[in-house]
Amino acid sequence: MTVVTTLDITDLTPAEYRAVMDELGVERRPEGGIYLHLTVPTDFGFRVVEIWDEAEGFQRFLFDDTATTAIDT
């Protein structure tokens, strides 16, 4: 089943957020199963909205070693 995910990212500057996106390769090497990745700036940081073909694909991406390493740096 197709799912929409929303993540609110706080405490990152635009440059830091860009570095995380570059490390994850979201734009250059999108994860299989993702249809859309949209980021909008907010007053608290960034809101990320994604559409995935299934919840399990999002979970795999979220807990993948590359994702957790990029987010922790």
N, C-alpha and C. Protein backbone atom coordinates (compact mmCIF):
# COMPACT_ATOMS: atom_id res chain seq x y z
N MET A 1 0.83 -1.17 0.00
CA MET A 1 0.00 0.00 0.00
C MET A 1 0.89 1.25 0.00
N THR A 2 0.56 2.20 -0.81
CA THR A 2 1.30 3.46 -0.87
C THR A 2 1.13 4.23 0.44
N VAL A 3 2.24 4.82 0.92
CA VAL A 3 2.19 5.58 2.16
C VAL A 3 2.84 6.95 1.97
N VAL A 4 2.36 7.91 2.75
CA VAL A 4 2.95 9.24 2.80
C VAL A 4 3.60 9.39 4.16
N THR A 5 4.86 9.83 4.16
CA THR A 5 5.56 10.05 5.42
C THR A 5 5.89 11.53 5.56
N THR A 6 5.91 11.99 6.79
CA THR A 6 6.26 13.38 7.08
C THR A 6 7.27 13.38 8.22
N LEU A 7 8.38 14.05 7.99
CA LEU A 7 9.42 14.20 9.01
C LEU A 7 9.66 15.68 9.24
N ASP A 8 9.72 16.08 10.49
CA ASP A 8 10.09 17.45 10.83
C ASP A 8 11.53 17.44 11.32
N ILE A 9 12.37 18.20 10.64
CA ILE A 9 13.80 18.27 10.95
C ILE A 9 14.06 19.60 11.64
N THR A 10 14.63 19.54 12.84
CA THR A 10 14.93 20.75 13.59
C THR A 10 16.44 20.84 13.85
N ASP A 11 16.87 22.02 14.19
CA ASP A 11 18.25 22.26 14.63
C ASP A 11 19.31 21.98 13.57
N LEU A 12 18.98 22.10 12.30
CA LEU A 12 19.97 22.00 11.23
C LEU A 12 19.94 23.27 10.40
N THR A 13 21.10 23.77 10.08
CA THR A 13 21.18 24.90 9.16
C THR A 13 20.91 24.38 7.75
N PRO A 14 20.61 25.25 6.80
CA PRO A 14 20.45 24.79 5.42
C PRO A 14 21.68 24.04 4.90
N ALA A 15 22.87 24.51 5.25
CA ALA A 15 24.10 23.84 4.80
C ALA A 15 24.22 22.44 5.42
N GLU A 16 23.87 22.31 6.68
CA GLU A 16 23.92 21.00 7.33
C GLU A 16 22.90 20.04 6.72
N TYR A 17 21.71 20.55 6.45
CA TYR A 17 20.68 19.72 5.83
C TYR A 17 21.14 19.27 4.44
N ARG A 18 21.71 20.18 3.68
CA ARG A 18 22.22 19.85 2.34
C ARG A 18 23.27 18.76 2.43
N ALA A 19 24.16 18.85 3.42
CA ALA A 19 25.21 17.84 3.60
C ALA A 19 24.61 16.46 3.88
N VAL A 20 23.57 16.42 4.70
CA VAL A 20 22.90 15.15 4.98
C VAL A 20 22.27 14.59 3.71
N MET A 21 21.59 15.43 2.94
CA MET A 21 20.97 14.97 1.69
C MET A 21 22.02 14.47 0.70
N ASP A 22 23.15 15.16 0.64
CA ASP A 22 24.23 14.72 -0.25
C ASP A 22 24.79 13.37 0.19
N GLU A 23 24.95 13.19 1.50
CA GLU A 23 25.46 11.93 2.03
C GLU A 23 24.49 10.78 1.74
N LEU A 24 23.20 11.05 1.88
CA LEU A 24 22.19 10.02 1.64
C LEU A 24 22.00 9.73 0.15
N GLY A 25 22.33 10.71 -0.70
CA GLY A 25 22.16 10.52 -2.14
C GLY A 25 20.70 10.51 -2.57
N VAL A 26 19.85 11.17 -1.82
CA VAL A 26 18.41 11.16 -2.09
C VAL A 26 18.11 11.63 -3.51
N GLU A 27 18.81 12.63 -3.97
CA GLU A 27 18.54 13.19 -5.31
C GLU A 27 19.30 12.45 -6.41
N ARG A 28 20.49 11.97 -6.11
CA ARG A 28 21.30 11.30 -7.13
C ARG A 28 21.06 9.79 -7.21
N ARG A 29 20.78 9.18 -6.07
CA ARG A 29 20.58 7.73 -5.99
C ARG A 29 19.35 7.44 -5.14
N PRO A 30 18.17 7.77 -5.63
CA PRO A 30 16.98 7.57 -4.80
C PRO A 30 16.79 6.11 -4.42
N GLU A 31 16.31 5.92 -3.24
CA GLU A 31 16.01 4.58 -2.73
C GLU A 31 14.91 3.95 -3.58
N GLY A 32 15.02 2.66 -3.81
CA GLY A 32 13.96 1.97 -4.52
C GLY A 32 12.65 2.06 -3.75
N GLY A 33 11.57 2.32 -4.45
CA GLY A 33 10.26 2.38 -3.81
C GLY A 33 9.81 3.78 -3.43
N ILE A 34 10.68 4.78 -3.60
CA ILE A 34 10.26 6.15 -3.28
C ILE A 34 9.77 6.83 -4.56
N TYR A 35 8.59 7.44 -4.47
CA TYR A 35 8.01 8.15 -5.61
C TYR A 35 8.31 9.64 -5.55
N LEU A 36 8.36 10.20 -4.34
CA LEU A 36 8.52 11.65 -4.19
C LEU A 36 9.25 11.95 -2.90
N HIS A 37 10.19 12.89 -2.98
CA HIS A 37 10.86 13.43 -1.79
C HIS A 37 10.77 14.94 -1.92
N LEU A 38 10.09 15.58 -0.99
CA LEU A 38 9.87 17.02 -1.04
C LEU A 38 10.28 17.61 0.29
N THR A 39 11.12 18.63 0.25
CA THR A 39 11.55 19.33 1.47
C THR A 39 11.13 20.79 1.37
N VAL A 40 10.53 21.29 2.43
CA VAL A 40 10.17 22.70 2.50
C VAL A 40 10.73 23.30 3.78
N PRO A 41 11.28 24.52 3.69
CA PRO A 41 11.76 25.17 4.91
C PRO A 41 10.57 25.63 5.75
N THR A 42 10.77 25.58 7.07
CA THR A 42 9.74 26.03 8.01
C THR A 42 10.41 26.94 9.03
N ASP A 43 9.62 27.50 9.92
CA ASP A 43 10.19 28.35 10.96
C ASP A 43 10.98 27.55 12.00
N PHE A 44 10.80 26.22 12.04
CA PHE A 44 11.53 25.38 12.98
C PHE A 44 12.65 24.58 12.32
N GLY A 45 12.76 24.64 11.03
CA GLY A 45 13.79 23.89 10.30
C GLY A 45 13.30 23.47 8.94
N PHE A 46 12.99 22.18 8.79
CA PHE A 46 12.54 21.66 7.50
C PHE A 46 11.46 20.61 7.72
N ARG A 47 10.53 20.55 6.79
CA ARG A 47 9.54 19.47 6.76
C ARG A 47 9.80 18.66 5.50
N VAL A 48 9.91 17.35 5.69
CA VAL A 48 10.15 16.43 4.58
C VAL A 48 8.89 15.58 4.39
N VAL A 49 8.37 15.60 3.17
CA VAL A 49 7.21 14.78 2.83
C VAL A 49 7.65 13.82 1.74
N GLU A 50 7.36 12.55 1.95
CA GLU A 50 7.74 11.53 0.97
C GLU A 50 6.56 10.63 0.67
N ILE A 51 6.54 10.09 -0.53
CA ILE A 51 5.57 9.08 -0.91
C ILE A 51 6.35 7.82 -1.26
N TRP A 52 5.99 6.73 -0.61
CA TRP A 52 6.65 5.44 -0.79
C TRP A 52 5.65 4.42 -1.29
N ASP A 53 6.15 3.41 -2.00
CA ASP A 53 5.24 2.37 -2.47
C ASP A 53 4.76 1.47 -1.34
N GLU A 54 5.51 1.41 -0.23
CA GLU A 54 5.10 0.61 0.93
C GLU A 54 5.82 1.12 2.17
N ALA A 55 5.21 0.93 3.32
CA ALA A 55 5.79 1.38 4.59
C ALA A 55 7.12 0.70 4.87
N GLU A 56 7.25 -0.55 4.48
CA GLU A 56 8.48 -1.29 4.75
C GLU A 56 9.69 -0.66 4.04
N GLY A 57 9.49 -0.11 2.85
CA GLY A 57 10.58 0.56 2.13
C GLY A 57 11.08 1.77 2.89
N PHE A 58 10.16 2.55 3.43
CA PHE A 58 10.54 3.71 4.23
C PHE A 58 11.28 3.27 5.48
N GLN A 59 10.79 2.24 6.15
CA GLN A 59 11.45 1.74 7.36
C GLN A 59 12.86 1.25 7.07
N ARG A 60 13.03 0.53 5.96
CA ARG A 60 14.37 0.06 5.59
C ARG A 60 15.30 1.24 5.38
N PHE A 61 14.83 2.25 4.66
CA PHE A 61 15.65 3.43 4.41
C PHE A 61 15.98 4.16 5.71
N LEU A 62 14.99 4.35 6.54
CA LEU A 62 15.16 5.12 7.77
C LEU A 62 16.17 4.47 8.71
N PHE A 63 16.19 3.15 8.77
CA PHE A 63 17.06 2.45 9.70
C PHE A 63 18.29 1.84 9.04
N ASP A 64 18.52 2.16 7.77
CA ASP A 64 19.73 1.71 7.06
C ASP A 64 20.94 2.39 7.69
N ASP A 65 22.07 1.70 7.67
CA ASP A 65 23.31 2.24 8.26
C ASP A 65 23.69 3.58 7.65
N THR A 66 23.54 3.74 6.34
CA THR A 66 23.90 5.00 5.68
C THR A 66 23.04 6.15 6.20
N ALA A 67 21.75 5.90 6.33
CA ALA A 67 20.84 6.96 6.81
C ALA A 67 21.16 7.34 8.25
N THR A 68 21.35 6.36 9.11
CA THR A 68 21.60 6.70 10.51
C THR A 68 22.95 7.38 10.68
N THR A 69 23.94 6.99 9.89
CA THR A 69 25.25 7.65 9.95
C THR A 69 25.16 9.09 9.48
N ALA A 70 24.47 9.32 8.37
CA ALA A 70 24.34 10.68 7.83
C ALA A 70 23.57 11.59 8.78
N ILE A 71 22.57 11.06 9.41
CA ILE A 71 21.75 11.86 10.33
C ILE A 71 22.51 12.16 11.61
N ASP A 72 23.34 11.24 12.06
CA ASP A 72 24.10 11.43 13.30
C ASP A 72 25.28 12.40 13.15
N THR A 73 25.73 12.65 11.92
CA THR A 73 26.90 13.53 11.74
C THR A 73 26.51 14.98 11.76
